[in-house]
Amino acid sequence: KLSMSFELLDRIIREGKELGIHMFIFSGGEPLSRKKDVIALCEKH
């Protein structure tokens, strides 16, 4: 029923880094249902 967009996940990470946060953990559901987005976020950050 639910998911967060790539843009929202990216925004959370960007705002987290501004606060000194560099550790991000995916859970769910099964996070690897979003394999491509997960890898894209790893690559971008």
All heavy atoms as atom14 arrays in JSON, in Angstrom:
{
  "sequence": "KLSMSFELLDRIIREGKELGIHMFIFSGGEPLSRKKDVIALCEKH",
  "atom14_mask": [
    [1, 1, 1, 1, 1, 1, 1, 1, 1, 0, 0, 0, 0, 0],
    [1, 1, 1, 1, 1, 1, 1, 1, 0, 0, 0, 0, 0, 0],
    [1, 1, 1, 1, 1, 1, 0, 0, 0, 0, 0, 0, 0, 0],
    [1, 1, 1, 1, 1, 1, 1, 1, 0, 0, 0, 0, 0, 0],
    [1, 1, 1, 1, 1, 1, 0, 0, 0, 0, 0, 0, 0, 0],
    [1, 1, 1, 1, 1, 1, 1, 1, 1, 1, 1, 0, 0, 0],
    [1, 1, 1, 1, 1, 1, 1, 1, 1, 0, 0, 0, 0, 0],
    [1, 1, 1, 1, 1, 1, 1, 1, 0, 0, 0, 0, 0, 0],
    [1, 1, 1, 1, 1, 1, 1, 1, 0, 0, 0, 0, 0, 0],
    [1, 1, 1, 1, 1, 1, 1, 1, 0, 0, 0, 0, 0, 0],
    [1, 1, 1, 1, 1, 1, 1, 1, 1, 1, 1, 0, 0, 0],
    [1, 1, 1, 1, 1, 1, 1, 1, 0, 0, 0, 0, 0, 0],
    [1, 1, 1, 1, 1, 1, 1, 1, 0, 0, 0, 0, 0, 0],
    [1, 1, 1, 1, 1, 1, 1, 1, 1, 1, 1, 0, 0, 0],
    [1, 1, 1, 1, 1, 1, 1, 1, 1, 0, 0, 0, 0, 0],
    [1, 1, 1, 1, 0, 0, 0, 0, 0, 0, 0, 0, 0, 0],
    [1, 1, 1, 1, 1, 1, 1, 1, 1, 0, 0, 0, 0, 0],
    [1, 1, 1, 1, 1, 1, 1, 1, 1, 0, 0, 0, 0, 0],
    [1, 1, 1, 1, 1, 1, 1, 1, 0, 0, 0, 0, 0, 0],
    [1, 1, 1, 1, 0, 0, 0, 0, 0, 0, 0, 0, 0, 0],
    [1, 1, 1, 1, 1, 1, 1, 1, 0, 0, 0, 0, 0, 0],
    [1, 1, 1, 1, 1, 1, 1, 1, 1, 1, 0, 0, 0, 0],
    [1, 1, 1, 1, 1, 1, 1, 1, 0, 0, 0, 0, 0, 0],
    [1, 1, 1, 1, 1, 1, 1, 1, 1, 1, 1, 0, 0, 0],
    [1, 1, 1, 1, 1, 1, 1, 1, 0, 0, 0, 0, 0, 0],
    [1, 1, 1, 1, 1, 1, 1, 1, 1, 1, 1, 0, 0, 0],
    [1, 1, 1, 1, 1, 1, 0, 0, 0, 0, 0, 0, 0, 0],
    [1, 1, 1, 1, 0, 0, 0, 0, 0, 0, 0, 0, 0, 0],
    [1, 1, 1, 1, 0, 0, 0, 0, 0, 0, 0, 0, 0, 0],
    [1, 1, 1, 1, 1, 1, 1, 1, 1, 0, 0, 0, 0, 0],
    [1, 1, 1, 1, 1, 1, 1, 0, 0, 0, 0, 0, 0, 0],
    [1, 1, 1, 1, 1, 1, 1, 1, 0, 0, 0, 0, 0, 0],
    [1, 1, 1, 1, 1, 1, 0, 0, 0, 0, 0, 0, 0, 0],
    [1, 1, 1, 1, 1, 1, 1, 1, 1, 1, 1, 0, 0, 0],
    [1, 1, 1, 1, 1, 1, 1, 1, 1, 0, 0, 0, 0, 0],
    [1, 1, 1, 1, 1, 1, 1, 1, 1, 0, 0, 0, 0, 0],
    [1, 1, 1, 1, 1, 1, 1, 1, 0, 0, 0, 0, 0, 0],
    [1, 1, 1, 1, 1, 1, 1, 0, 0, 0, 0, 0, 0, 0],
    [1, 1, 1, 1, 1, 1, 1, 1, 0, 0, 0, 0, 0, 0],
    [1, 1, 1, 1, 1, 0, 0, 0, 0, 0, 0, 0, 0, 0],
    [1, 1, 1, 1, 1, 1, 1, 1, 0, 0, 0, 0, 0, 0],
    [1, 1, 1, 1, 1, 1, 0, 0, 0, 0, 0, 0, 0, 0],
    [1, 1, 1, 1, 1, 1, 1, 1, 1, 0, 0, 0, 0, 0],
    [1, 1, 1, 1, 1, 1, 1, 1, 1, 0, 0, 0, 0, 0],
    [1, 1, 1, 1, 1, 1, 1, 1, 1, 1, 0, 0, 0, 0]
  ],
  "atom14_positions": [
    [[0.81, -1.23, 0.0], [0.0, 0.0, 0.0], [0.84, 1.28, 0.0], [0.41, 2.31, -0.49], [-0.93, 0.02, 1.23], [-1.96, -1.11, 1.27], [-2.88, -0.93, 2.47], [-3.92, -2.03, 2.56], [-3.37, -3.26, 3.13], [0.0, 0.0, 0.0], [0.0, 0.0, 0.0], [0.0, 0.0, 0.0], [0.0, 0.0, 0.0], [0.0, 0.0, 0.0]],
    [[2.04, 1.22, 0.61], [2.77, 2.46, 0.85], [4.19, 2.4, 0.31], [4.82, 1.33, 0.26], [2.84, 2.74, 2.36], [1.5, 2.9, 3.09], [1.74, 2.98, 4.58], [0.77, 4.14, 2.59], [0.0, 0.0, 0.0], [0.0, 0.0, 0.0], [0.0, 0.0, 0.0], [0.0, 0.0, 0.0], [0.0, 0.0, 0.0], [0.0, 0.0, 0.0]],
    [[4.71, 3.57, -0.06], [6.11, 3.69, -0.42], [6.5, 5.16, -0.37], [5.65, 6.04, -0.49], [6.38, 3.13, -1.83], [5.69, 3.89, -2.8], [0.0, 0.0, 0.0], [0.0, 0.0, 0.0], [0.0, 0.0, 0.0], [0.0, 0.0, 0.0], [0.0, 0.0, 0.0], [0.0, 0.0, 0.0], [0.0, 0.0, 0.0], [0.0, 0.0, 0.0]],
    [[7.78, 5.4, -0.17], [8.32, 6.76, -0.26], [9.01, 6.92, -1.61], [9.71, 6.01, -2.06], [9.3, 7.03, 0.89], [8.63, 7.23, 2.23], [9.72, 7.99, 3.49], [10.72, 6.57, 3.98], [0.0, 0.0, 0.0], [0.0, 0.0, 0.0], [0.0, 0.0, 0.0], [0.0, 0.0, 0.0], [0.0, 0.0, 0.0], [0.0, 0.0, 0.0]],
    [[8.8, 8.05, -2.25], [9.39, 8.3, -3.56], [10.91, 8.4, -3.43], [11.46, 8.67, -2.35], [8.85, 9.59, -4.16], [9.31, 10.71, -3.41], [0.0, 0.0, 0.0], [0.0, 0.0, 0.0], [0.0, 0.0, 0.0], [0.0, 0.0, 0.0], [0.0, 0.0, 0.0], [0.0, 0.0, 0.0], [0.0, 0.0, 0.0], [0.0, 0.0, 0.0]],
    [[11.58, 8.19, -4.56], [13.03, 8.36, -4.59], [13.41, 9.77, -4.15], [14.36, 9.97, -3.4], [13.57, 8.1, -6.01], [15.05, 8.3, -6.13], [15.93, 7.25, -5.88], [15.59, 9.53, -6.47], [17.3, 7.43, -5.98], [16.95, 9.73, -6.58], [17.81, 8.67, -6.33], [0.0, 0.0, 0.0], [0.0, 0.0, 0.0], [0.0, 0.0, 0.0]],
    [[12.64, 10.75, -4.61], [12.93, 12.15, -4.29], [12.84, 12.41, -2.79], [13.65, 13.15, -2.22], [11.96, 13.06, -5.04], [12.18, 13.13, -6.54], [11.72, 11.86, -7.27], [10.87, 11.12, -6.71], [12.21, 11.61, -8.38], [0.0, 0.0, 0.0], [0.0, 0.0, 0.0], [0.0, 0.0, 0.0], [0.0, 0.0, 0.0], [0.0, 0.0, 0.0]],
    [[11.86, 11.78, -2.12], [11.72, 11.97, -0.67], [12.85, 11.28, 0.08], [13.42, 11.86, 1.01], [10.37, 11.43, -0.2], [10.08, 11.55, 1.3], [10.19, 13.01, 1.76], [8.7, 10.99, 1.64], [0.0, 0.0, 0.0], [0.0, 0.0, 0.0], [0.0, 0.0, 0.0], [0.0, 0.0, 0.0], [0.0, 0.0, 0.0], [0.0, 0.0, 0.0]],
    [[13.19, 10.07, -0.32], [14.31, 9.36, 0.31], [15.6, 10.16, 0.15], [16.38, 10.3, 1.1], [14.47, 7.97, -0.3], [13.33, 6.99, -0.05], [13.44, 5.78, -0.98], [13.33, 6.52, 1.41], [0.0, 0.0, 0.0], [0.0, 0.0, 0.0], [0.0, 0.0, 0.0], [0.0, 0.0, 0.0], [0.0, 0.0, 0.0], [0.0, 0.0, 0.0]],
    [[15.8, 10.7, -1.03], [16.98, 11.52, -1.31], [16.99, 12.77, -0.44], [18.04, 13.16, 0.1], [17.0, 11.89, -2.8], [18.18, 12.75, -3.16], [19.32, 12.34, -2.92], [17.95, 13.87, -3.69], [0.0, 0.0, 0.0], [0.0, 0.0, 0.0], [0.0, 0.0, 0.0], [0.0, 0.0, 0.0], [0.0, 0.0, 0.0], [0.0, 0.0, 0.0]],
    [[15.83, 13.39, -0.27], [15.74, 14.6, 0.56], [16.08, 14.29, 2.01], [16.8, 15.05, 2.68], [14.32, 15.17, 0.48], [14.21, 16.6, 0.99], [12.79, 16.93, 1.41], [12.62, 16.8, 2.86], [11.46, 16.66, 3.46], [10.34, 16.56, 2.76], [11.41, 16.58, 4.77], [0.0, 0.0, 0.0], [0.0, 0.0, 0.0], [0.0, 0.0, 0.0]],
    [[15.59, 13.17, 2.53], [15.89, 12.78, 3.9], [17.4, 12.61, 4.08], [17.98, 13.08, 5.07], [15.16, 11.48, 4.27], [13.64, 11.7, 4.31], [15.64, 10.95, 5.63], [12.84, 10.41, 4.37], [0.0, 0.0, 0.0], [0.0, 0.0, 0.0], [0.0, 0.0, 0.0], [0.0, 0.0, 0.0], [0.0, 0.0, 0.0], [0.0, 0.0, 0.0]],
    [[18.04, 11.97, 3.12], [19.49, 11.75, 3.21], [20.23, 13.08, 3.14], [21.17, 13.32, 3.93], [19.95, 10.79, 2.1], [19.33, 9.41, 2.3], [21.48, 10.68, 2.08], [19.46, 8.48, 1.1], [0.0, 0.0, 0.0], [0.0, 0.0, 0.0], [0.0, 0.0, 0.0], [0.0, 0.0, 0.0], [0.0, 0.0, 0.0], [0.0, 0.0, 0.0]],
    [[19.84, 13.95, 2.24], [20.51, 15.25, 2.12], [20.37, 16.07, 3.4], [21.35, 16.66, 3.89], [19.95, 16.03, 0.93], [20.43, 15.52, -0.42], [20.01, 16.41, -1.58], [18.59, 16.27, -1.93], [17.65, 17.14, -1.66], [17.96, 18.28, -1.02], [16.39, 16.93, -2.02], [0.0, 0.0, 0.0], [0.0, 0.0, 0.0], [0.0, 0.0, 0.0]],
    [[19.16, 16.09, 3.97], [18.96, 16.83, 5.21], [19.7, 16.16, 6.37], [20.2, 16.84, 7.28], [17.47, 16.93, 5.52], [16.72, 17.84, 4.55], [15.26, 18.03, 4.93], [14.86, 17.62, 6.04], [14.51, 18.59, 4.11], [0.0, 0.0, 0.0], [0.0, 0.0, 0.0], [0.0, 0.0, 0.0], [0.0, 0.0, 0.0], [0.0, 0.0, 0.0]],
    [[19.78, 14.84, 6.34], [20.52, 14.13, 7.37], [21.99, 14.48, 7.34], [22.61, 14.74, 8.38], [0.0, 0.0, 0.0], [0.0, 0.0, 0.0], [0.0, 0.0, 0.0], [0.0, 0.0, 0.0], [0.0, 0.0, 0.0], [0.0, 0.0, 0.0], [0.0, 0.0, 0.0], [0.0, 0.0, 0.0], [0.0, 0.0, 0.0], [0.0, 0.0, 0.0]],
    [[22.58, 14.53, 6.15], [24.01, 14.86, 6.04], [24.3, 16.28, 6.55], [25.36, 16.53, 7.13], [24.47, 14.7, 4.59], [24.53, 13.25, 4.15], [25.37, 13.03, 2.91], [24.81, 13.68, 1.69], [25.61, 13.34, 0.48], [0.0, 0.0, 0.0], [0.0, 0.0, 0.0], [0.0, 0.0, 0.0], [0.0, 0.0, 0.0], [0.0, 0.0, 0.0]],
    [[23.35, 17.19, 6.34], [23.53, 18.54, 6.86], [23.6, 18.56, 8.39], [24.19, 19.47, 8.99], [22.38, 19.43, 6.38], [22.42, 19.75, 4.89], [21.19, 20.5, 4.43], [20.34, 20.84, 5.3], [21.06, 20.74, 3.21], [0.0, 0.0, 0.0], [0.0, 0.0, 0.0], [0.0, 0.0, 0.0], [0.0, 0.0, 0.0], [0.0, 0.0, 0.0]],
    [[23.01, 17.55, 9.02], [23.03, 17.44, 10.48], [24.18, 16.57, 10.99], [24.33, 16.37, 12.2], [21.7, 16.86, 10.98], [20.43, 17.65, 10.66], [19.2, 16.91, 11.15], [20.5, 19.04, 11.28], [0.0, 0.0, 0.0], [0.0, 0.0, 0.0], [0.0, 0.0, 0.0], [0.0, 0.0, 0.0], [0.0, 0.0, 0.0], [0.0, 0.0, 0.0]],
    [[24.99, 16.03, 10.07], [26.11, 15.18, 10.46], [25.79, 13.7, 10.45], [26.54, 12.89, 11.01], [0.0, 0.0, 0.0], [0.0, 0.0, 0.0], [0.0, 0.0, 0.0], [0.0, 0.0, 0.0], [0.0, 0.0, 0.0], [0.0, 0.0, 0.0], [0.0, 0.0, 0.0], [0.0, 0.0, 0.0], [0.0, 0.0, 0.0], [0.0, 0.0, 0.0]],
    [[24.68, 13.31, 9.82], [24.27, 11.91, 9.77], [24.76, 11.3, 8.46], [24.44, 11.8, 7.37], [22.73, 11.77, 9.88], [22.22, 12.45, 11.16], [22.31, 10.3, 9.85], [20.72, 12.69, 11.17], [0.0, 0.0, 0.0], [0.0, 0.0, 0.0], [0.0, 0.0, 0.0], [0.0, 0.0, 0.0], [0.0, 0.0, 0.0], [0.0, 0.0, 0.0]],
    [[25.51, 10.19, 8.57], [26.04, 9.53, 7.38], [25.77, 8.03, 7.4], [26.37, 7.28, 6.63], [27.54, 9.79, 7.23], [27.87, 11.2, 6.84], [28.13, 11.58, 5.55], [27.97, 12.32, 7.59], [28.38, 12.88, 5.51], [28.29, 13.36, 6.74], [0.0, 0.0, 0.0], [0.0, 0.0, 0.0], [0.0, 0.0, 0.0], [0.0, 0.0, 0.0]],
    [[24.87, 7.61, 8.29], [24.5, 6.19, 8.38], [23.0, 6.09, 8.15], [22.2, 6.66, 8.9], [24.86, 5.65, 9.77], [24.56, 4.17, 9.94], [25.83, 3.19, 9.1], [25.13, 1.54, 9.3], [0.0, 0.0, 0.0], [0.0, 0.0, 0.0], [0.0, 0.0, 0.0], [0.0, 0.0, 0.0], [0.0, 0.0, 0.0], [0.0, 0.0, 0.0]],
    [[22.61, 5.36, 7.09], [21.2, 5.22, 6.74], [20.88, 3.74, 6.58], [21.62, 3.0, 5.93], [20.89, 5.99, 5.46], [21.08, 7.48, 5.62], [22.3, 8.06, 5.34], [20.05, 8.28, 6.1], [22.51, 9.43, 5.52], [20.23, 9.64, 6.28], [21.46, 10.21, 6.0], [0.0, 0.0, 0.0], [0.0, 0.0, 0.0], [0.0, 0.0, 0.0]],
    [[19.77, 3.34, 7.2], [19.39, 1.93, 7.24], [18.01, 1.77, 6.62], [17.07, 2.47, 6.99], [19.39, 1.42, 8.7], [20.73, 1.71, 9.38], [19.08, -0.08, 8.74], [20.74, 1.4, 10.87], [0.0, 0.0, 0.0], [0.0, 0.0, 0.0], [0.0, 0.0, 0.0], [0.0, 0.0, 0.0], [0.0, 0.0, 0.0], [0.0, 0.0, 0.0]],
    [[17.89, 0.85, 5.67], [16.61, 0.57, 5.03], [15.93, -0.62, 5.71], [16.58, -1.61, 6.02], [16.8, 0.25, 3.55], [17.38, 1.38, 2.74], [18.61, 1.23, 2.1], [16.7, 2.58, 2.61], [19.14, 2.25, 1.34], [17.23, 3.62, 1.85], [18.46, 3.45, 1.21], [0.0, 0.0, 0.0], [0.0, 0.0, 0.0], [0.0, 0.0, 0.0]],
    [[14.62, -0.49, 5.92], [13.85, -1.63, 6.41], [12.52, -1.62, 5.65], [12.4, -1.01, 4.61], [13.66, -1.55, 7.93], [13.02, -0.34, 8.3], [0.0, 0.0, 0.0], [0.0, 0.0, 0.0], [0.0, 0.0, 0.0], [0.0, 0.0, 0.0], [0.0, 0.0, 0.0], [0.0, 0.0, 0.0], [0.0, 0.0, 0.0], [0.0, 0.0, 0.0]],
    [[11.51, -2.27, 6.16], [10.26, -2.3, 5.41], [9.17, -3.03, 6.18], [9.16, -3.02, 7.41], [0.0, 0.0, 0.0], [0.0, 0.0, 0.0], [0.0, 0.0, 0.0], [0.0, 0.0, 0.0], [0.0, 0.0, 0.0], [0.0, 0.0, 0.0], [0.0, 0.0, 0.0], [0.0, 0.0, 0.0], [0.0, 0.0, 0.0], [0.0, 0.0, 0.0]],
    [[8.39, -3.72, 5.4], [8.51, -4.3, 4.08], [9.89, -4.87, 3.76], [10.77, -4.96, 4.6], [0.0, 0.0, 0.0], [0.0, 0.0, 0.0], [0.0, 0.0, 0.0], [0.0, 0.0, 0.0], [0.0, 0.0, 0.0], [0.0, 0.0, 0.0], [0.0, 0.0, 0.0], [0.0, 0.0, 0.0], [0.0, 0.0, 0.0], [0.0, 0.0, 0.0]],
    [[10.04, -5.26, 2.52], [11.33, -5.74, 2.04], [11.96, -4.63, 1.2], [11.51, -4.34, 0.09], [11.15, -7.01, 1.21], [12.38, -7.48, 0.46], [13.63, -7.53, 1.32], [13.59, -8.18, 2.4], [14.64, -6.9, 0.95], [0.0, 0.0, 0.0], [0.0, 0.0, 0.0], [0.0, 0.0, 0.0], [0.0, 0.0, 0.0], [0.0, 0.0, 0.0]],
    [[13.02, -3.98, 1.73], [13.6, -2.83, 1.03], [14.15, -3.16, -0.36], [14.18, -2.29, -1.22], [14.71, -2.35, 1.97], [14.99, -3.51, 2.86], [13.72, -4.26, 3.0], [0.0, 0.0, 0.0], [0.0, 0.0, 0.0], [0.0, 0.0, 0.0], [0.0, 0.0, 0.0], [0.0, 0.0, 0.0], [0.0, 0.0, 0.0], [0.0, 0.0, 0.0]],
    [[14.55, -4.42, -0.57], [15.11, -4.76, -1.87], [14.03, -4.96, -2.93], [14.34, -5.28, -4.08], [16.01, -6.0, -1.76], [17.27, -5.79, -0.91], [18.23, -6.94, -1.04], [17.97, -4.47, -1.25], [0.0, 0.0, 0.0], [0.0, 0.0, 0.0], [0.0, 0.0, 0.0], [0.0, 0.0, 0.0], [0.0, 0.0, 0.0], [0.0, 0.0, 0.0]],
    [[12.77, -4.74, -2.55], [11.72, -4.58, -3.57], [11.99, -3.32, -4.39], [11.44, -3.15, -5.48], [10.34, -4.46, -2.91], [10.02, -5.61, -2.18], [0.0, 0.0, 0.0], [0.0, 0.0, 0.0], [0.0, 0.0, 0.0], [0.0, 0.0, 0.0], [0.0, 0.0, 0.0], [0.0, 0.0, 0.0], [0.0, 0.0, 0.0], [0.0, 0.0, 0.0]],
    [[12.85, -2.43, -3.83], [13.24, -1.18, -4.5], [14.73, -1.21, -4.83], [15.46, -0.23, -4.63], [12.93, 0.01, -3.59], [11.47, 0.17, -3.17], [10.65, 0.95, -4.18], [11.16, 2.29, -4.42], [10.87, 3.35, -3.67], [10.07, 3.23, -2.61], [11.35, 4.54, -3.97], [0.0, 0.0, 0.0], [0.0, 0.0, 0.0], [0.0, 0.0, 0.0]],
    [[15.21, -2.31, -5.37], [16.64, -2.5, -5.62], [17.28, -1.33, -6.38], [18.34, -0.82, -6.0], [16.87, -3.76, -6.45], [16.8, -5.07, -5.71], [17.09, -6.19, -6.7], [17.01, -7.55, -6.04], [17.34, -8.62, -7.0], [0.0, 0.0, 0.0], [0.0, 0.0, 0.0], [0.0, 0.0, 0.0], [0.0, 0.0, 0.0], [0.0, 0.0, 0.0]],
    [[16.65, -0.93, -7.48], [17.26, 0.1, -8.33], [17.39, 1.42, -7.58], [18.41, 2.1, -7.69], [16.44, 0.26, -9.61], [16.56, -0.91, -10.56], [15.81, -0.65, -11.87], [15.97, -1.81, -12.84], [15.21, -1.59, -14.11], [0.0, 0.0, 0.0], [0.0, 0.0, 0.0], [0.0, 0.0, 0.0], [0.0, 0.0, 0.0], [0.0, 0.0, 0.0]],
    [[16.36, 1.77, -6.83], [16.4, 3.03, -6.08], [17.43, 2.97, -4.96], [18.13, 3.96, -4.68], [15.02, 3.36, -5.51], [14.07, 3.88, -6.57], [14.55, 4.33, -7.63], [12.85, 3.83, -6.35], [0.0, 0.0, 0.0], [0.0, 0.0, 0.0], [0.0, 0.0, 0.0], [0.0, 0.0, 0.0], [0.0, 0.0, 0.0], [0.0, 0.0, 0.0]],
    [[17.52, 1.82, -4.3], [18.5, 1.65, -3.22], [19.92, 1.84, -3.76], [20.72, 2.59, -3.18], [18.34, 0.26, -2.56], [19.56, -0.08, -1.7], [17.08, 0.22, -1.69], [0.0, 0.0, 0.0], [0.0, 0.0, 0.0], [0.0, 0.0, 0.0], [0.0, 0.0, 0.0], [0.0, 0.0, 0.0], [0.0, 0.0, 0.0], [0.0, 0.0, 0.0]],
    [[20.22, 1.2, -4.87], [21.55, 1.34, -5.46], [21.79, 2.76, -5.95], [22.89, 3.33, -5.79], [21.74, 0.33, -6.61], [21.83, -1.1, -6.05], [22.99, 0.65, -7.42], [23.03, -1.37, -5.16], [0.0, 0.0, 0.0], [0.0, 0.0, 0.0], [0.0, 0.0, 0.0], [0.0, 0.0, 0.0], [0.0, 0.0, 0.0], [0.0, 0.0, 0.0]],
    [[20.78, 3.38, -6.52], [20.92, 4.76, -7.0], [21.23, 5.72, -5.85], [22.03, 6.65, -5.99], [19.66, 5.19, -7.73], [0.0, 0.0, 0.0], [0.0, 0.0, 0.0], [0.0, 0.0, 0.0], [0.0, 0.0, 0.0], [0.0, 0.0, 0.0], [0.0, 0.0, 0.0], [0.0, 0.0, 0.0], [0.0, 0.0, 0.0], [0.0, 0.0, 0.0]],
    [[20.61, 5.5, -4.69], [20.88, 6.33, -3.52], [22.3, 6.1, -3.01], [23.0, 7.04, -2.61], [19.86, 6.04, -2.42], [18.44, 6.54, -2.71], [17.45, 5.93, -1.72], [18.36, 8.06, -2.64], [0.0, 0.0, 0.0], [0.0, 0.0, 0.0], [0.0, 0.0, 0.0], [0.0, 0.0, 0.0], [0.0, 0.0, 0.0], [0.0, 0.0, 0.0]],
    [[22.74, 4.85, -3.01], [24.11, 4.54, -2.6], [25.12, 5.23, -3.51], [26.13, 5.78, -3.05], [24.35, 3.02, -2.64], [23.44, 2.07, -1.42], [0.0, 0.0, 0.0], [0.0, 0.0, 0.0], [0.0, 0.0, 0.0], [0.0, 0.0, 0.0], [0.0, 0.0, 0.0], [0.0, 0.0, 0.0], [0.0, 0.0, 0.0], [0.0, 0.0, 0.0]],
    [[24.83, 5.22, -4.79], [25.73, 5.82, -5.77], [25.76, 7.34, -5.63], [26.83, 7.96, -5.69], [25.28, 5.43, -7.18], [26.24, 5.82, -8.27], [25.85, 5.21, -9.61], [24.65, 4.9, -9.81], [26.74, 5.05, -10.46], [0.0, 0.0, 0.0], [0.0, 0.0, 0.0], [0.0, 0.0, 0.0], [0.0, 0.0, 0.0], [0.0, 0.0, 0.0]],
    [[24.6, 7.94, -5.42], [24.52, 9.4, -5.32], [25.17, 9.89, -4.04], [25.8, 10.96, -4.03], [23.06, 9.83, -5.37], [22.89, 11.35, -5.34], [21.45, 11.76, -5.56], [21.32, 13.28, -5.61], [19.93, 13.72, -5.85], [0.0, 0.0, 0.0], [0.0, 0.0, 0.0], [0.0, 0.0, 0.0], [0.0, 0.0, 0.0], [0.0, 0.0, 0.0]],
    [[25.04, 9.13, -2.97], [25.56, 9.55, -1.66], [26.69, 8.6, -1.25], [26.57, 7.84, -0.29], [24.45, 9.57, -0.63], [23.32, 10.49, -0.96], [23.41, 11.86, -0.79], [22.1, 10.26, -1.5], [22.28, 12.43, -1.19], [21.47, 11.49, -1.62], [0.0, 0.0, 0.0], [0.0, 0.0, 0.0], [0.0, 0.0, 0.0], [0.0, 0.0, 0.0]]
  ]
}
